Amino acid sequence: HEAFNFAQMLQGENVPANVAQLQELVSKQGERAIRFYVLFLLGFMSGLEAGSGSRFLTAQRAENVIEAIGMLQHLMDSTP
């Protein structure tokens, strides 16, 4: 989270240097690290404002998160 902030990416606040930092982190720690990070984020977002189900991660927000994860996968293979 210190090297790359997924929430900032969702809001369009990242710059190419952030992507380069993420790529460097994944090259050092392996792809399992990014998969764990994404899983953590999904669990965290699902628990926000929790009650009966997730009040935060609605169907609309989930669509956006799924698209963002796809973009994140694409970024891993791209140059910043």
PDB file of N, CA and C in Angstrom:
ATOM      1  N   HIS A   1       0.823  -1.191   0.000  1.00  0.00           N
ATOM      2  CA  HIS A   1       0.000   0.000   0.000  1.00  0.00           C
ATOM      3  C   HIS A   1       0.868   1.256   0.000  1.00  0.00           C
ATOM      4  N   GLU A   2       2.047   1.159   0.541  1.00  0.00           N
ATOM      5  CA  GLU A   2       2.935   2.315   0.558  1.00  0.00           C
ATOM      6  C   GLU A   2       3.479   2.619  -0.834  1.00  0.00           C
ATOM      7  N   ALA A   3       3.748   1.573  -1.621  1.00  0.00           N
ATOM      8  CA  ALA A   3       4.326   1.767  -2.949  1.00  0.00           C
ATOM      9  C   ALA A   3       3.254   2.055  -3.998  1.00  0.00           C
ATOM     10  N   PHE A   4       2.055   1.558  -3.780  1.00  0.00           N
ATOM     11  CA  PHE A   4       0.977   1.724  -4.756  1.00  0.00           C
ATOM     12  C   PHE A   4      -0.347   1.732  -4.017  1.00  0.00           C
ATOM     13  N   ASN A   5      -1.179   2.693  -4.354  1.00  0.00           N
ATOM     14  CA  ASN A   5      -2.473   2.813  -3.693  1.00  0.00           C
ATOM     15  C   ASN A   5      -3.568   2.547  -4.711  1.00  0.00           C
ATOM     16  N   PHE A   6      -4.220   1.409  -4.589  1.00  0.00           N
ATOM     17  CA  PHE A   6      -5.267   0.998  -5.525  1.00  0.00           C
ATOM     18  C   PHE A   6      -6.426   1.993  -5.539  1.00  0.00           C
ATOM     19  N   ALA A   7      -6.781   2.509  -4.378  1.00  0.00           N
ATOM     20  CA  ALA A   7      -7.877   3.483  -4.305  1.00  0.00           C
ATOM     21  C   ALA A   7      -7.544   4.733  -5.116  1.00  0.00           C
ATOM     22  N   GLN A   8      -6.287   5.146  -5.072  1.00  0.00           N
ATOM     23  CA  GLN A   8      -5.881   6.294  -5.880  1.00  0.00           C
ATOM     24  C   GLN A   8      -5.989   5.976  -7.360  1.00  0.00           C
ATOM     25  N   MET A   9      -5.667   4.729  -7.730  1.00  0.00           N
ATOM     26  CA  MET A   9      -5.802   4.341  -9.130  1.00  0.00           C
ATOM     27  C   MET A   9      -7.263   4.420  -9.560  1.00  0.00           C
ATOM     28  N   LEU A  10      -8.160   3.952  -8.693  1.00  0.00           N
ATOM     29  CA  LEU A  10      -9.591   3.996  -9.015  1.00  0.00           C
ATOM     30  C   LEU A  10     -10.078   5.424  -9.233  1.00  0.00           C
ATOM     31  N   GLN A  11      -9.456   6.361  -8.537  1.00  0.00           N
ATOM     32  CA  GLN A  11      -9.858   7.762  -8.628  1.00  0.00           C
ATOM     33  C   GLN A  11      -9.039   8.532  -9.659  1.00  0.00           C
ATOM     34  N   GLY A  12      -8.152   7.847 -10.385  1.00  0.00           N
ATOM     35  CA  GLY A  12      -7.349   8.497 -11.411  1.00  0.00           C
ATOM     36  C   GLY A  12      -6.261   9.399 -10.869  1.00  0.00           C
ATOM     37  N   GLU A  13      -5.776   9.105  -9.670  1.00  0.00           N
ATOM     38  CA  GLU A  13      -4.784   9.957  -9.018  1.00  0.00           C
ATOM     39  C   GLU A  13      -3.359   9.430  -9.149  1.00  0.00           C
ATOM     40  N   ASN A  14      -3.163   8.292  -9.798  1.00  0.00           N
ATOM     41  CA  ASN A  14      -1.826   7.735  -9.937  1.00  0.00           C
ATOM     42  C   ASN A  14      -1.118   8.351 -11.141  1.00  0.00           C
ATOM     43  N   VAL A  15       0.194   8.368 -11.070  1.00  0.00           N
ATOM     44  CA  VAL A  15       1.034   8.835 -12.175  1.00  0.00           C
ATOM     45  C   VAL A  15       1.891   7.649 -12.636  1.00  0.00           C
ATOM     46  N   PRO A  16       2.518   7.756 -13.806  1.00  0.00           N
ATOM     47  CA  PRO A  16       3.331   6.643 -14.296  1.00  0.00           C
ATOM     48  C   PRO A  16       4.376   6.146 -13.295  1.00  0.00           C
ATOM     49  N   ALA A  17       4.910   7.027 -12.478  1.00  0.00           N
ATOM     50  CA  ALA A  17       5.910   6.606 -11.484  1.00  0.00           C
ATOM     51  C   ALA A  17       5.308   5.615 -10.486  1.00  0.00           C
ATOM     52  N   ASN A  18       4.018   5.781 -10.148  1.00  0.00           N
ATOM     53  CA  ASN A  18       3.359   4.839  -9.240  1.00  0.00           C
ATOM     54  C   ASN A  18       3.262   3.455  -9.867  1.00  0.00           C
ATOM     55  N   VAL A  19       2.986   3.415 -11.161  1.00  0.00           N
ATOM     56  CA  VAL A  19       2.905   2.137 -11.878  1.00  0.00           C
ATOM     57  C   VAL A  19       4.285   1.488 -11.910  1.00  0.00           C
ATOM     58  N   ALA A  20       5.314   2.284 -12.162  1.00  0.00           N
ATOM     59  CA  ALA A  20       6.685   1.752 -12.173  1.00  0.00           C
ATOM     60  C   ALA A  20       7.045   1.177 -10.806  1.00  0.00           C
ATOM     61  N   GLN A  21       6.648   1.855  -9.726  1.00  0.00           N
ATOM     62  CA  GLN A  21       6.913   1.349  -8.376  1.00  0.00           C
ATOM     63  C   GLN A  21       6.212   0.015  -8.159  1.00  0.00           C
ATOM     64  N   LEU A  22       4.975  -0.077  -8.622  1.00  0.00           N
ATOM     65  CA  LEU A  22       4.226  -1.329  -8.472  1.00  0.00           C
ATOM     66  C   LEU A  22       4.897  -2.446  -9.263  1.00  0.00           C
ATOM     67  N   GLN A  23       5.296  -2.163 -10.493  1.00  0.00           N
ATOM     68  CA  GLN A  23       5.954  -3.174 -11.313  1.00  0.00           C
ATOM     69  C   GLN A  23       7.260  -3.643 -10.665  1.00  0.00           C
ATOM     70  N   GLU A  24       7.996  -2.714 -10.100  1.00  0.00           N
ATOM     71  CA  GLU A  24       9.244  -3.068  -9.426  1.00  0.00           C
ATOM     72  C   GLU A  24       8.972  -3.937  -8.202  1.00  0.00           C
ATOM     73  N   LEU A  25       7.953  -3.577  -7.448  1.00  0.00           N
ATOM     74  CA  LEU A  25       7.582  -4.351  -6.264  1.00  0.00           C
ATOM     75  C   LEU A  25       7.189  -5.777  -6.650  1.00  0.00           C
ATOM     76  N   VAL A  26       6.402  -5.906  -7.702  1.00  0.00           N
ATOM     77  CA  VAL A  26       5.964  -7.235  -8.139  1.00  0.00           C
ATOM     78  C   VAL A  26       7.146  -8.040  -8.673  1.00  0.00           C
ATOM     79  N   SER A  27       8.083  -7.376  -9.354  1.00  0.00           N
ATOM     80  CA  SER A  27       9.251  -8.105  -9.858  1.00  0.00           C
ATOM     81  C   SER A  27      10.108  -8.627  -8.706  1.00  0.00           C
ATOM     82  N   LYS A  28      10.133  -7.904  -7.587  1.00  0.00           N
ATOM     83  CA  LYS A  28      10.911  -8.331  -6.421  1.00  0.00           C
ATOM     84  C   LYS A  28      10.176  -9.378  -5.591  1.00  0.00           C
ATOM     85  N   GLN A  29       8.876  -9.168  -5.372  1.00  0.00           N
ATOM     86  CA  GLN A  29       8.130 -10.025  -4.454  1.00  0.00           C
ATOM     87  C   GLN A  29       7.289 -11.085  -5.148  1.00  0.00           C
ATOM     88  N   GLY A  30       7.161 -11.006  -6.454  1.00  0.00           N
ATOM     89  CA  GLY A  30       6.420 -12.003  -7.202  1.00  0.00           C
ATOM     90  C   GLY A  30       4.952 -11.649  -7.362  1.00  0.00           C
ATOM     91  N   GLU A  31       4.332 -12.331  -8.299  1.00  0.00           N
ATOM     92  CA  GLU A  31       2.929 -12.057  -8.625  1.00  0.00           C
ATOM     93  C   GLU A  31       1.986 -12.434  -7.484  1.00  0.00           C
ATOM     94  N   ARG A  32       2.402 -13.360  -6.644  1.00  0.00           N
ATOM     95  CA  ARG A  32       1.545 -13.734  -5.502  1.00  0.00           C
ATOM     96  C   ARG A  32       1.284 -12.539  -4.597  1.00  0.00           C
ATOM     97  N   ALA A  33       2.259 -11.642  -4.495  1.00  0.00           N
ATOM     98  CA  ALA A  33       2.109 -10.467  -3.637  1.00  0.00           C
ATOM     99  C   ALA A  33       0.990  -9.570  -4.146  1.00  0.00           C
ATOM    100  N   ILE A  34       0.919  -9.345  -5.444  1.00  0.00           N
ATOM    101  CA  ILE A  34      -0.136  -8.479  -5.985  1.00  0.00           C
ATOM    102  C   ILE A  34      -1.496  -9.169  -5.885  1.00  0.00           C
ATOM    103  N   ARG A  35      -1.514 -10.475  -6.057  1.00  0.00           N
ATOM    104  CA  ARG A  35      -2.781 -11.208  -5.919  1.00  0.00           C
ATOM    105  C   ARG A  35      -3.297 -11.120  -4.482  1.00  0.00           C
ATOM    106  N   PHE A  36      -2.383 -11.252  -3.530  1.00  0.00           N
ATOM    107  CA  PHE A  36      -2.773 -11.130  -2.124  1.00  0.00           C
ATOM    108  C   PHE A  36      -3.276  -9.722  -1.826  1.00  0.00           C
ATOM    109  N   TYR A  37      -2.586  -8.720  -2.372  1.00  0.00           N
ATOM    110  CA  TYR A  37      -2.981  -7.323  -2.181  1.00  0.00           C
ATOM    111  C   TYR A  37      -4.398  -7.088  -2.704  1.00  0.00           C
ATOM    112  N   VAL A  38      -4.685  -7.591  -3.890  1.00  0.00           N
ATOM    113  CA  VAL A  38      -6.020  -7.416  -4.471  1.00  0.00           C
ATOM    114  C   VAL A  38      -7.063  -8.144  -3.627  1.00  0.00           C
ATOM    115  N   LEU A  39      -6.753  -9.340  -3.175  1.00  0.00           N
ATOM    116  CA  LEU A  39      -7.684 -10.082  -2.321  1.00  0.00           C
ATOM    117  C   LEU A  39      -7.940  -9.328  -1.019  1.00  0.00           C
ATOM    118  N   PHE A  40      -6.883  -8.788  -0.429  1.00  0.00           N
ATOM    119  CA  PHE A  40      -7.030  -7.981   0.782  1.00  0.00           C
ATOM    120  C   PHE A  40      -7.953  -6.791   0.525  1.00  0.00           C
ATOM    121  N   LEU A  41      -7.722  -6.091  -0.580  1.00  0.00           N
ATOM    122  CA  LEU A  41      -8.541  -4.921  -0.897  1.00  0.00           C
ATOM    123  C   LEU A  41     -10.012  -5.278  -1.078  1.00  0.00           C
ATOM    124  N   LEU A  42     -10.278  -6.391  -1.753  1.00  0.00           N
ATOM    125  CA  LEU A  42     -11.668  -6.813  -1.937  1.00  0.00           C
ATOM    126  C   LEU A  42     -12.333  -7.101  -0.599  1.00  0.00           C
ATOM    127  N   GLY A  43     -11.618  -7.785   0.277  1.00  0.00           N
ATOM    128  CA  GLY A  43     -12.166  -8.054   1.608  1.00  0.00           C
ATOM    129  C   GLY A  43     -12.376  -6.780   2.403  1.00  0.00           C
ATOM    130  N   PHE A  44     -11.412  -5.877   2.304  1.00  0.00           N
ATOM    131  CA  PHE A  44     -11.509  -4.607   3.022  1.00  0.00           C
ATOM    132  C   PHE A  44     -12.696  -3.787   2.521  1.00  0.00           C
ATOM    133  N   MET A  45     -12.820  -3.664   1.207  1.00  0.00           N
ATOM    134  CA  MET A  45     -13.918  -2.867   0.645  1.00  0.00           C
ATOM    135  C   MET A  45     -15.272  -3.508   0.926  1.00  0.00           C
ATOM    136  N   SER A  46     -15.297  -4.828   0.959  1.00  0.00           N
ATOM    137  CA  SER A  46     -16.554  -5.514   1.263  1.00  0.00           C
ATOM    138  C   SER A  46     -16.996  -5.266   2.697  1.00  0.00           C
ATOM    139  N   GLY A  47     -16.029  -5.085   3.575  1.00  0.00           N
ATOM    140  CA  GLY A  47     -16.346  -4.882   4.984  1.00  0.00           C
ATOM    141  C   GLY A  47     -16.681  -3.448   5.352  1.00  0.00           C
ATOM    142  N   LEU A  48     -16.391  -2.497   4.466  1.00  0.00           N
ATOM    143  CA  LEU A  48     -16.696  -1.096   4.769  1.00  0.00           C
ATOM    144  C   LEU A  48     -18.202  -0.910   4.922  1.00  0.00           C
ATOM    145  N   GLU A  49     -18.587  -0.217   5.942  1.00  0.00           N
ATOM    146  CA  GLU A  49     -19.993   0.057   6.225  1.00  0.00           C
ATOM    147  C   GLU A  49     -20.822  -1.238   6.272  1.00  0.00           C
ATOM    148  N   ALA A  50     -20.194  -2.297   6.744  1.00  0.00           N
ATOM    149  CA  ALA A  50     -20.861  -3.605   6.740  1.00  0.00           C
ATOM    150  C   ALA A  50     -22.028  -3.641   7.709  1.00  0.00           C
ATOM    151  N   GLY A  51     -22.923  -4.447   7.394  1.00  0.00           N
ATOM    152  CA  GLY A  51     -24.096  -4.712   8.201  1.00  0.00           C
ATOM    153  C   GLY A  51     -24.623  -6.028   7.680  1.00  0.00           C
ATOM    154  N   SER A  52     -25.746  -5.977   7.068  1.00  0.00           N
ATOM    155  CA  SER A  52     -26.278  -7.144   6.382  1.00  0.00           C
ATOM    156  C   SER A  52     -25.805  -7.060   4.940  1.00  0.00           C
ATOM    157  N   GLY A  53     -24.669  -7.686   4.657  1.00  0.00           N
ATOM    158  CA  GLY A  53     -24.040  -7.526   3.353  1.00  0.00           C
ATOM    159  C   GLY A  53     -23.155  -6.300   3.374  1.00  0.00           C
ATOM    160  N   SER A  54     -22.646  -5.928   2.235  1.00  0.00           N
ATOM    161  CA  SER A  54     -21.781  -4.760   2.157  1.00  0.00           C
ATOM    162  C   SER A  54     -22.565  -3.573   1.630  1.00  0.00           C
ATOM    163  N   ARG A  55     -22.613  -2.536   2.404  1.00  0.00           N
ATOM    164  CA  ARG A  55     -23.295  -1.318   1.949  1.00  0.00           C
ATOM    165  C   ARG A  55     -22.389  -0.481   1.064  1.00  0.00           C
ATOM    166  N   PHE A  56     -21.059  -0.729   1.155  1.00  0.00           N
ATOM    167  CA  PHE A  56     -20.126   0.054   0.353  1.00  0.00           C
ATOM    168  C   PHE A  56     -19.915  -0.565  -1.025  1.00  0.00           C
ATOM    169  N   LEU A  57     -19.597  -1.845  -1.057  1.00  0.00           N
ATOM    170  CA  LEU A  57     -19.271  -2.498  -2.324  1.00  0.00           C
ATOM    171  C   LEU A  57     -20.557  -2.967  -3.000  1.00  0.00           C
ATOM    172  N   THR A  58     -21.271  -2.000  -3.545  1.00  0.00           N
ATOM    173  CA  THR A  58     -22.522  -2.266  -4.251  1.00  0.00           C
ATOM    174  C   THR A  58     -22.215  -2.857  -5.620  1.00  0.00           C
ATOM    175  N   ALA A  59     -23.253  -3.254  -6.345  1.00  0.00           N
ATOM    176  CA  ALA A  59     -23.064  -3.830  -7.675  1.00  0.00           C
ATOM    177  C   ALA A  59     -22.333  -2.852  -8.597  1.00  0.00           C
ATOM    178  N   GLN A  60     -22.706  -1.586  -8.546  1.00  0.00           N
ATOM    179  CA  GLN A  60     -22.050  -0.581  -9.396  1.00  0.00           C
ATOM    180  C   GLN A  60     -20.578  -0.419  -9.034  1.00  0.00           C
ATOM    181  N   ARG A  61     -20.296  -0.317  -7.754  1.00  0.00           N
ATOM    182  CA  ARG A  61     -18.898  -0.179  -7.334  1.00  0.00           C
ATOM    183  C   ARG A  61     -18.113  -1.445  -7.646  1.00  0.00           C
ATOM    184  N   ALA A  62     -18.745  -2.598  -7.491  1.00  0.00           N
ATOM    185  CA  ALA A  62     -18.072  -3.862  -7.799  1.00  0.00           C
ATOM    186  C   ALA A  62     -17.694  -3.917  -9.277  1.00  0.00           C
ATOM    187  N   GLU A  63     -18.555  -3.439 -10.157  1.00  0.00           N
ATOM    188  CA  GLU A  63     -18.237  -3.389 -11.589  1.00  0.00           C
ATOM    189  C   GLU A  63     -16.990  -2.557 -11.821  1.00  0.00           C
ATOM    190  N   ASN A  64     -16.935  -1.394 -11.177  1.00  0.00           N
ATOM    191  CA  ASN A  64     -15.777  -0.516 -11.325  1.00  0.00           C
ATOM    192  C   ASN A  64     -14.508  -1.178 -10.799  1.00  0.00           C
ATOM    193  N   VAL A  65     -14.613  -1.874  -9.681  1.00  0.00           N
ATOM    194  CA  VAL A  65     -13.449  -2.543  -9.100  1.00  0.00           C
ATOM    195  C   VAL A  65     -12.977  -3.668 -10.017  1.00  0.00           C
ATOM    196  N   ILE A  66     -13.909  -4.431 -10.576  1.00  0.00           N
ATOM    197  CA  ILE A  66     -13.544  -5.522 -11.493  1.00  0.00           C
ATOM    198  C   ILE A  66     -12.829  -4.969 -12.722  1.00  0.00           C
ATOM    199  N   GLU A  67     -13.343  -3.873 -13.279  1.00  0.00           N
ATOM    200  CA  GLU A  67     -12.679  -3.237 -14.418  1.00  0.00           C
ATOM    201  C   GLU A  67     -11.295  -2.746 -14.033  1.00  0.00           C
ATOM    202  N   ALA A  68     -11.174  -2.158 -12.846  1.00  0.00           N
ATOM    203  CA  ALA A  68      -9.880  -1.647 -12.392  1.00  0.00           C
ATOM    204  C   ALA A  68      -8.875  -2.774 -12.195  1.00  0.00           C
ATOM    205  N   ILE A  69      -9.325  -3.919 -11.706  1.00  0.00           N
ATOM    206  CA  ILE A  69      -8.422  -5.061 -11.541  1.00  0.00           C
ATOM    207  C   ILE A  69      -7.938  -5.530 -12.912  1.00  0.00           C
ATOM    208  N   GLY A  70      -8.822  -5.523 -13.898  1.00  0.00           N
ATOM    209  CA  GLY A  70      -8.414  -5.865 -15.262  1.00  0.00           C
ATOM    210  C   GLY A  70      -7.379  -4.893 -15.801  1.00  0.00           C
ATOM    211  N   MET A  71      -7.576  -3.615 -15.519  1.00  0.00           N
ATOM    212  CA  MET A  71      -6.600  -2.606 -15.950  1.00  0.00           C
ATOM    213  C   MET A  71      -5.271  -2.790 -15.229  1.00  0.00           C
ATOM    214  N   LEU A  72      -5.356  -3.152 -13.965  1.00  0.00           N
ATOM    215  CA  LEU A  72      -4.144  -3.404 -13.184  1.00  0.00           C
ATOM    216  C   LEU A  72      -3.364  -4.562 -13.794  1.00  0.00           C
ATOM    217  N   GLN A  73      -4.056  -5.611 -14.212  1.00  0.00           N
ATOM    218  CA  GLN A  73      -3.394  -6.741 -14.874  1.00  0.00           C
ATOM    219  C   GLN A  73      -2.711  -6.279 -16.159  1.00  0.00           C
ATOM    220  N   HIS A  74      -3.383  -5.429 -16.901  1.00  0.00           N
ATOM    221  CA  HIS A  74      -2.802  -4.896 -18.139  1.00  0.00           C
ATOM    222  C   HIS A  74      -1.569  -4.042 -17.830  1.00  0.00           C
ATOM    223  N   LEU A  75      -1.629  -3.253 -16.774  1.00  0.00           N
ATOM    224  CA  LEU A  75      -0.504  -2.396 -16.401  1.00  0.00           C
ATOM    225  C   LEU A  75       0.738  -3.203 -16.043  1.00  0.00           C
ATOM    226  N   MET A  76       0.547  -4.390 -15.534  1.00  0.00           N
ATOM    227  CA  MET A  76       1.691  -5.211 -15.135  1.00  0.00           C
ATOM    228  C   MET A  76       2.527  -5.598 -16.356  1.00  0.00           C
ATOM    229  N   ASP A  77       1.901  -5.619 -17.535  1.00  0.00           N
ATOM    230  CA  ASP A  77       2.607  -6.010 -18.760  1.00  0.00           C
ATOM    231  C   ASP A  77       2.999  -4.812 -19.617  1.00  0.00           C
ATOM    232  N   SER A  78       2.699  -3.591 -19.167  1.00  0.00           N
ATOM    233  CA  SER A  78       2.945  -2.385 -19.944  1.00  0.00           C
ATOM    234  C   SER A  78       4.122  -1.618 -19.367  1.00  0.00           C
ATOM    235  N   THR A  79       4.609  -0.673 -20.159  1.00  0.00           N
ATOM    236  CA  THR A  79       5.635   0.229 -19.638  1.00  0.00           C
ATOM    237  C   THR A  79       4.952   1.523 -19.204  1.00  0.00           C
ATOM    238  N   PRO A  80       5.392   2.084 -18.085  1.00  0.00           N
ATOM    239  CA  PRO A  80       4.743   3.307 -17.571  1.00  0.00           C
ATOM    240  C   PRO A  80       4.878   4.496 -18.501  1.00  0.00           C
TER     241      PRO A  80
END
